Amino acid sequence: MKVNPIEMQKNLGGVGYPASKDEILRQAEEHGAGKEVMEALKSLPDKEYDSPAAINKEVAGDR
């Protein structure tokens, strides 16, 4: 699934890093993230992310 990285980051404003998957999902939901963004975030491995770039890498499959 391709999610625009800019769209992804719009929905993650206010996340304090490092952040857990649960924190990231909660913040995205509060920002009204669309279905594609939420599905991409739900597919993330359950770990801590230290930056927005780390989230984008996982979503893009650049692990």
PDB file of N, CA and C in Angstrom:
ATOM      1  N   MET A   1       0.857  -1.179   0.000  1.00  0.00           N
ATOM      2  CA  MET A   1       0.000   0.000   0.000  1.00  0.00           C
ATOM      3  C   MET A   1       0.899   1.236   0.000  1.00  0.00           C
ATOM      4  N   LYS A   2       0.625   2.142  -0.892  1.00  0.00           N
ATOM      5  CA  LYS A   2       1.401   3.379  -0.974  1.00  0.00           C
ATOM      6  C   LYS A   2       0.647   4.488  -0.250  1.00  0.00           C
ATOM      7  N   VAL A   3       1.316   5.079   0.714  1.00  0.00           N
ATOM      8  CA  VAL A   3       0.758   6.217   1.436  1.00  0.00           C
ATOM      9  C   VAL A   3       1.723   7.371   1.245  1.00  0.00           C
ATOM     10  N   ASN A   4       1.191   8.512   0.880  1.00  0.00           N
ATOM     11  CA  ASN A   4       2.003   9.707   0.687  1.00  0.00           C
ATOM     12  C   ASN A   4       2.662  10.079   2.019  1.00  0.00           C
ATOM     13  N   PRO A   5       4.007  10.180   2.043  1.00  0.00           N
ATOM     14  CA  PRO A   5       4.698  10.503   3.298  1.00  0.00           C
ATOM     15  C   PRO A   5       4.286  11.848   3.885  1.00  0.00           C
ATOM     16  N   ILE A   6       3.954  12.797   3.035  1.00  0.00           N
ATOM     17  CA  ILE A   6       3.514  14.112   3.527  1.00  0.00           C
ATOM     18  C   ILE A   6       2.165  13.976   4.220  1.00  0.00           C
ATOM     19  N   GLU A   7       1.265  13.216   3.612  1.00  0.00           N
ATOM     20  CA  GLU A   7      -0.048  12.977   4.217  1.00  0.00           C
ATOM     21  C   GLU A   7       0.113  12.257   5.556  1.00  0.00           C
ATOM     22  N   MET A   8       1.025  11.306   5.588  1.00  0.00           N
ATOM     23  CA  MET A   8       1.294  10.565   6.819  1.00  0.00           C
ATOM     24  C   MET A   8       1.731  11.525   7.923  1.00  0.00           C
ATOM     25  N   GLN A   9       2.669  12.398   7.623  1.00  0.00           N
ATOM     26  CA  GLN A   9       3.211  13.301   8.641  1.00  0.00           C
ATOM     27  C   GLN A   9       2.197  14.356   9.087  1.00  0.00           C
ATOM     28  N   LYS A  10       1.291  14.762   8.194  1.00  0.00           N
ATOM     29  CA  LYS A  10       0.229  15.701   8.587  1.00  0.00           C
ATOM     30  C   LYS A  10      -0.596  15.119   9.729  1.00  0.00           C
ATOM     31  N   ASN A  11      -0.756  13.804   9.706  1.00  0.00           N
ATOM     32  CA  ASN A  11      -1.576  13.134  10.707  1.00  0.00           C
ATOM     33  C   ASN A  11      -0.812  12.776  11.969  1.00  0.00           C
ATOM     34  N   LEU A  12       0.477  13.061  11.996  1.00  0.00           N
ATOM     35  CA  LEU A  12       1.288  12.718  13.160  1.00  0.00           C
ATOM     36  C   LEU A  12       1.826  13.944  13.881  1.00  0.00           C
ATOM     37  N   GLY A  13       1.282  15.103  13.568  1.00  0.00           N
ATOM     38  CA  GLY A  13       1.709  16.317  14.245  1.00  0.00           C
ATOM     39  C   GLY A  13       1.473  16.206  15.742  1.00  0.00           C
ATOM     40  N   GLY A  14       2.450  16.598  16.517  1.00  0.00           N
ATOM     41  CA  GLY A  14       2.307  16.565  17.963  1.00  0.00           C
ATOM     42  C   GLY A  14       2.810  15.294  18.618  1.00  0.00           C
ATOM     43  N   VAL A  15       3.244  14.325  17.818  1.00  0.00           N
ATOM     44  CA  VAL A  15       3.798  13.103  18.407  1.00  0.00           C
ATOM     45  C   VAL A  15       5.141  13.437  19.036  1.00  0.00           C
ATOM     46  N   GLY A  16       5.330  13.035  20.275  1.00  0.00           N
ATOM     47  CA  GLY A  16       6.619  13.202  20.939  1.00  0.00           C
ATOM     48  C   GLY A  16       7.451  11.940  20.739  1.00  0.00           C
ATOM     49  N   TYR A  17       8.630  12.113  20.215  1.00  0.00           N
ATOM     50  CA  TYR A  17       9.496  10.952  19.942  1.00  0.00           C
ATOM     51  C   TYR A  17      10.541  10.794  21.030  1.00  0.00           C
ATOM     52  N   PRO A  18      10.902   9.561  21.366  1.00  0.00           N
ATOM     53  CA  PRO A  18      10.433   8.314  20.777  1.00  0.00           C
ATOM     54  C   PRO A  18       8.964   8.059  21.124  1.00  0.00           C
ATOM     55  N   ALA A  19       8.283   7.348  20.219  1.00  0.00           N
ATOM     56  CA  ALA A  19       6.859   7.075  20.386  1.00  0.00           C
ATOM     57  C   ALA A  19       6.572   5.612  20.068  1.00  0.00           C
ATOM     58  N   SER A  20       5.675   5.037  20.841  1.00  0.00           N
ATOM     59  CA  SER A  20       5.269   3.651  20.598  1.00  0.00           C
ATOM     60  C   SER A  20       4.244   3.614  19.469  1.00  0.00           C
ATOM     61  N   LYS A  21       4.032   2.431  18.942  1.00  0.00           N
ATOM     62  CA  LYS A  21       3.019   2.249  17.901  1.00  0.00           C
ATOM     63  C   LYS A  21       1.660   2.732  18.406  1.00  0.00           C
ATOM     64  N   ASP A  22       1.312   2.404  19.648  1.00  0.00           N
ATOM     65  CA  ASP A  22       0.021   2.824  20.207  1.00  0.00           C
ATOM     66  C   ASP A  22      -0.106   4.340  20.271  1.00  0.00           C
ATOM     67  N   GLU A  23       0.966   5.019  20.672  1.00  0.00           N
ATOM     68  CA  GLU A  23       0.938   6.486  20.724  1.00  0.00           C
ATOM     69  C   GLU A  23       0.754   7.077  19.325  1.00  0.00           C
ATOM     70  N   ILE A  24       1.436   6.500  18.366  1.00  0.00           N
ATOM     71  CA  ILE A  24       1.353   6.971  16.983  1.00  0.00           C
ATOM     72  C   ILE A  24      -0.065   6.784  16.451  1.00  0.00           C
ATOM     73  N   LEU A  25      -0.653   5.623  16.696  1.00  0.00           N
ATOM     74  CA  LEU A  25      -2.028   5.364  16.248  1.00  0.00           C
ATOM     75  C   LEU A  25      -3.014   6.327  16.902  1.00  0.00           C
ATOM     76  N   ARG A  26      -2.847   6.549  18.192  1.00  0.00           N
ATOM     77  CA  ARG A  26      -3.749   7.453  18.921  1.00  0.00           C
ATOM     78  C   ARG A  26      -3.674   8.871  18.351  1.00  0.00           C
ATOM     79  N   GLN A  27      -2.455   9.339  18.103  1.00  0.00           N
ATOM     80  CA  GLN A  27      -2.275  10.694  17.577  1.00  0.00           C
ATOM     81  C   GLN A  27      -2.871  10.822  16.177  1.00  0.00           C
ATOM     82  N   ALA A  28      -2.652   9.818  15.344  1.00  0.00           N
ATOM     83  CA  ALA A  28      -3.191   9.849  13.983  1.00  0.00           C
ATOM     84  C   ALA A  28      -4.717   9.882  14.012  1.00  0.00           C
ATOM     85  N   GLU A  29      -5.308   9.094  14.899  1.00  0.00           N
ATOM     86  CA  GLU A  29      -6.760   9.067  15.022  1.00  0.00           C
ATOM     87  C   GLU A  29      -7.290  10.430  15.472  1.00  0.00           C
ATOM     88  N   GLU A  30      -6.606  11.049  16.434  1.00  0.00           N
ATOM     89  CA  GLU A  30      -7.017  12.373  16.916  1.00  0.00           C
ATOM     90  C   GLU A  30      -6.926  13.428  15.818  1.00  0.00           C
ATOM     91  N   HIS A  31      -6.005  13.241  14.865  1.00  0.00           N
ATOM     92  CA  HIS A  31      -5.854  14.183  13.759  1.00  0.00           C
ATOM     93  C   HIS A  31      -6.760  13.839  12.575  1.00  0.00           C
ATOM     94  N   GLY A  32      -7.620  12.839  12.735  1.00  0.00           N
ATOM     95  CA  GLY A  32      -8.567  12.494  11.682  1.00  0.00           C
ATOM     96  C   GLY A  32      -7.940  11.810  10.484  1.00  0.00           C
ATOM     97  N   ALA A  33      -6.944  10.975  10.736  1.00  0.00           N
ATOM     98  CA  ALA A  33      -6.269  10.263   9.650  1.00  0.00           C
ATOM     99  C   ALA A  33      -7.265   9.423   8.860  1.00  0.00           C
ATOM    100  N   GLY A  34      -7.056   9.384   7.560  1.00  0.00           N
ATOM    101  CA  GLY A  34      -7.910   8.599   6.678  1.00  0.00           C
ATOM    102  C   GLY A  34      -7.647   7.109   6.803  1.00  0.00           C
ATOM    103  N   LYS A  35      -8.480   6.338   6.135  1.00  0.00           N
ATOM    104  CA  LYS A  35      -8.414   4.882   6.212  1.00  0.00           C
ATOM    105  C   LYS A  35      -7.051   4.338   5.778  1.00  0.00           C
ATOM    106  N   GLU A  36      -6.514   4.838   4.663  1.00  0.00           N
ATOM    107  CA  GLU A  36      -5.229   4.336   4.161  1.00  0.00           C
ATOM    108  C   GLU A  36      -4.099   4.585   5.159  1.00  0.00           C
ATOM    109  N   VAL A  37      -4.073   5.781   5.727  1.00  0.00           N
ATOM    110  CA  VAL A  37      -3.028   6.112   6.701  1.00  0.00           C
ATOM    111  C   VAL A  37      -3.165   5.223   7.929  1.00  0.00           C
ATOM    112  N   MET A  38      -4.376   5.061   8.432  1.00  0.00           N
ATOM    113  CA  MET A  38      -4.580   4.233   9.623  1.00  0.00           C
ATOM    114  C   MET A  38      -4.205   2.777   9.356  1.00  0.00           C
ATOM    115  N   GLU A  39      -4.552   2.251   8.185  1.00  0.00           N
ATOM    116  CA  GLU A  39      -4.194   0.869   7.856  1.00  0.00           C
ATOM    117  C   GLU A  39      -2.680   0.708   7.792  1.00  0.00           C
ATOM    118  N   ALA A  40      -1.999   1.686   7.207  1.00  0.00           N
ATOM    119  CA  ALA A  40      -0.538   1.627   7.120  1.00  0.00           C
ATOM    120  C   ALA A  40       0.080   1.656   8.513  1.00  0.00           C
ATOM    121  N   LEU A  41      -0.435   2.514   9.379  1.00  0.00           N
ATOM    122  CA  LEU A  41       0.108   2.611  10.735  1.00  0.00           C
ATOM    123  C   LEU A  41      -0.190   1.357  11.550  1.00  0.00           C
ATOM    124  N   LYS A  42      -1.359   0.773  11.352  1.00  0.00           N
ATOM    125  CA  LYS A  42      -1.701  -0.453  12.080  1.00  0.00           C
ATOM    126  C   LYS A  42      -0.801  -1.612  11.676  1.00  0.00           C
ATOM    127  N   SER A  43      -0.244  -1.549  10.474  1.00  0.00           N
ATOM    128  CA  SER A  43       0.632  -2.629  10.004  1.00  0.00           C
ATOM    129  C   SER A  43       2.072  -2.480  10.505  1.00  0.00           C
ATOM    130  N   LEU A  44       2.370  -1.383  11.194  1.00  0.00           N
ATOM    131  CA  LEU A  44       3.725  -1.170  11.712  1.00  0.00           C
ATOM    132  C   LEU A  44       4.081  -2.222  12.758  1.00  0.00           C
ATOM    133  N   PRO A  45       5.357  -2.614  12.812  1.00  0.00           N
ATOM    134  CA  PRO A  45       5.796  -3.479  13.916  1.00  0.00           C
ATOM    135  C   PRO A  45       5.596  -2.756  15.251  1.00  0.00           C
ATOM    136  N   ASP A  46       5.310  -3.525  16.279  1.00  0.00           N
ATOM    137  CA  ASP A  46       5.047  -2.964  17.607  1.00  0.00           C
ATOM    138  C   ASP A  46       6.376  -2.667  18.303  1.00  0.00           C
ATOM    139  N   LYS A  47       6.867  -1.447  18.095  1.00  0.00           N
ATOM    140  CA  LYS A  47       8.131  -1.017  18.695  1.00  0.00           C
ATOM    141  C   LYS A  47       8.113   0.490  18.857  1.00  0.00           C
ATOM    142  N   GLU A  48       9.186   1.053  19.385  1.00  0.00           N
ATOM    143  CA  GLU A  48       9.313   2.505  19.526  1.00  0.00           C
ATOM    144  C   GLU A  48       9.938   3.084  18.262  1.00  0.00           C
ATOM    145  N   TYR A  49       9.451   4.240  17.865  1.00  0.00           N
ATOM    146  CA  TYR A  49       9.965   4.950  16.692  1.00  0.00           C
ATOM    147  C   TYR A  49      10.585   6.245  17.170  1.00  0.00           C
ATOM    148  N   ASP A  50      11.790   6.538  16.670  1.00  0.00           N
ATOM    149  CA  ASP A  50      12.512   7.707  17.176  1.00  0.00           C
ATOM    150  C   ASP A  50      12.357   8.957  16.326  1.00  0.00           C
ATOM    151  N   SER A  51      11.640   8.843  15.186  1.00  0.00           N
ATOM    152  CA  SER A  51      11.457  10.017  14.330  1.00  0.00           C
ATOM    153  C   SER A  51      10.364   9.749  13.300  1.00  0.00           C
ATOM    154  N   PRO A  52       9.836  10.812  12.688  1.00  0.00           N
ATOM    155  CA  PRO A  52       8.876  10.629  11.599  1.00  0.00           C
ATOM    156  C   PRO A  52       9.490   9.837  10.442  1.00  0.00           C
ATOM    157  N   ALA A  53      10.773  10.045  10.184  1.00  0.00           N
ATOM    158  CA  ALA A  53      11.444   9.329   9.090  1.00  0.00           C
ATOM    159  C   ALA A  53      11.439   7.821   9.340  1.00  0.00           C
ATOM    160  N   ALA A  54      11.585   7.414  10.594  1.00  0.00           N
ATOM    161  CA  ALA A  54      11.575   5.985  10.923  1.00  0.00           C
ATOM    162  C   ALA A  54      10.217   5.368  10.606  1.00  0.00           C
ATOM    163  N   ILE A  55       9.156   6.112  10.851  1.00  0.00           N
ATOM    164  CA  ILE A  55       7.808   5.633  10.538  1.00  0.00           C
ATOM    165  C   ILE A  55       7.644   5.521   9.029  1.00  0.00           C
ATOM    166  N   ASN A  56       8.054   6.554   8.305  1.00  0.00           N
ATOM    167  CA  ASN A  56       7.943   6.523   6.845  1.00  0.00           C
ATOM    168  C   ASN A  56       8.724   5.363   6.245  1.00  0.00           C
ATOM    169  N   LYS A  57       9.903   5.078   6.783  1.00  0.00           N
ATOM    170  CA  LYS A  57      10.711   3.956   6.278  1.00  0.00           C
ATOM    171  C   LYS A  57       9.971   2.634   6.452  1.00  0.00           C
ATOM    172  N   GLU A  58       9.382   2.434   7.617  1.00  0.00           N
ATOM    173  CA  GLU A  58       8.646   1.189   7.867  1.00  0.00           C
ATOM    174  C   GLU A  58       7.442   1.073   6.940  1.00  0.00           C
ATOM    175  N   VAL A  59       6.707   2.152   6.789  1.00  0.00           N
ATOM    176  CA  VAL A  59       5.516   2.135   5.939  1.00  0.00           C
ATOM    177  C   VAL A  59       5.901   1.850   4.487  1.00  0.00           C
ATOM    178  N   ALA A  60       7.024   2.425   4.050  1.00  0.00           N
ATOM    179  CA  ALA A  60       7.479   2.235   2.667  1.00  0.00           C
ATOM    180  C   ALA A  60       8.139   0.878   2.458  1.00  0.00           C
ATOM    181  N   GLY A  61       8.435   0.177   3.552  1.00  0.00           N
ATOM    182  CA  GLY A  61       9.077  -1.120   3.440  1.00  0.00           C
ATOM    183  C   GLY A  61      10.582  -1.054   3.341  1.00  0.00           C
ATOM    184  N   ASP A  62      11.166   0.098   3.666  1.00  0.00           N
ATOM    185  CA  ASP A  62      12.624   0.279   3.619  1.00  0.00           C
ATOM    186  C   ASP A  62      13.236  -0.046   4.971  1.00  0.00           C
ATOM    187  N   ARG A  63      13.054  -1.242   5.425  1.00  0.00           N
ATOM    188  CA  ARG A  63      13.492  -1.618   6.778  1.00  0.00           C
ATOM    189  C   ARG A  63      14.935  -1.895   6.842  1.00  0.00           C
TER     190      ARG A  63
END
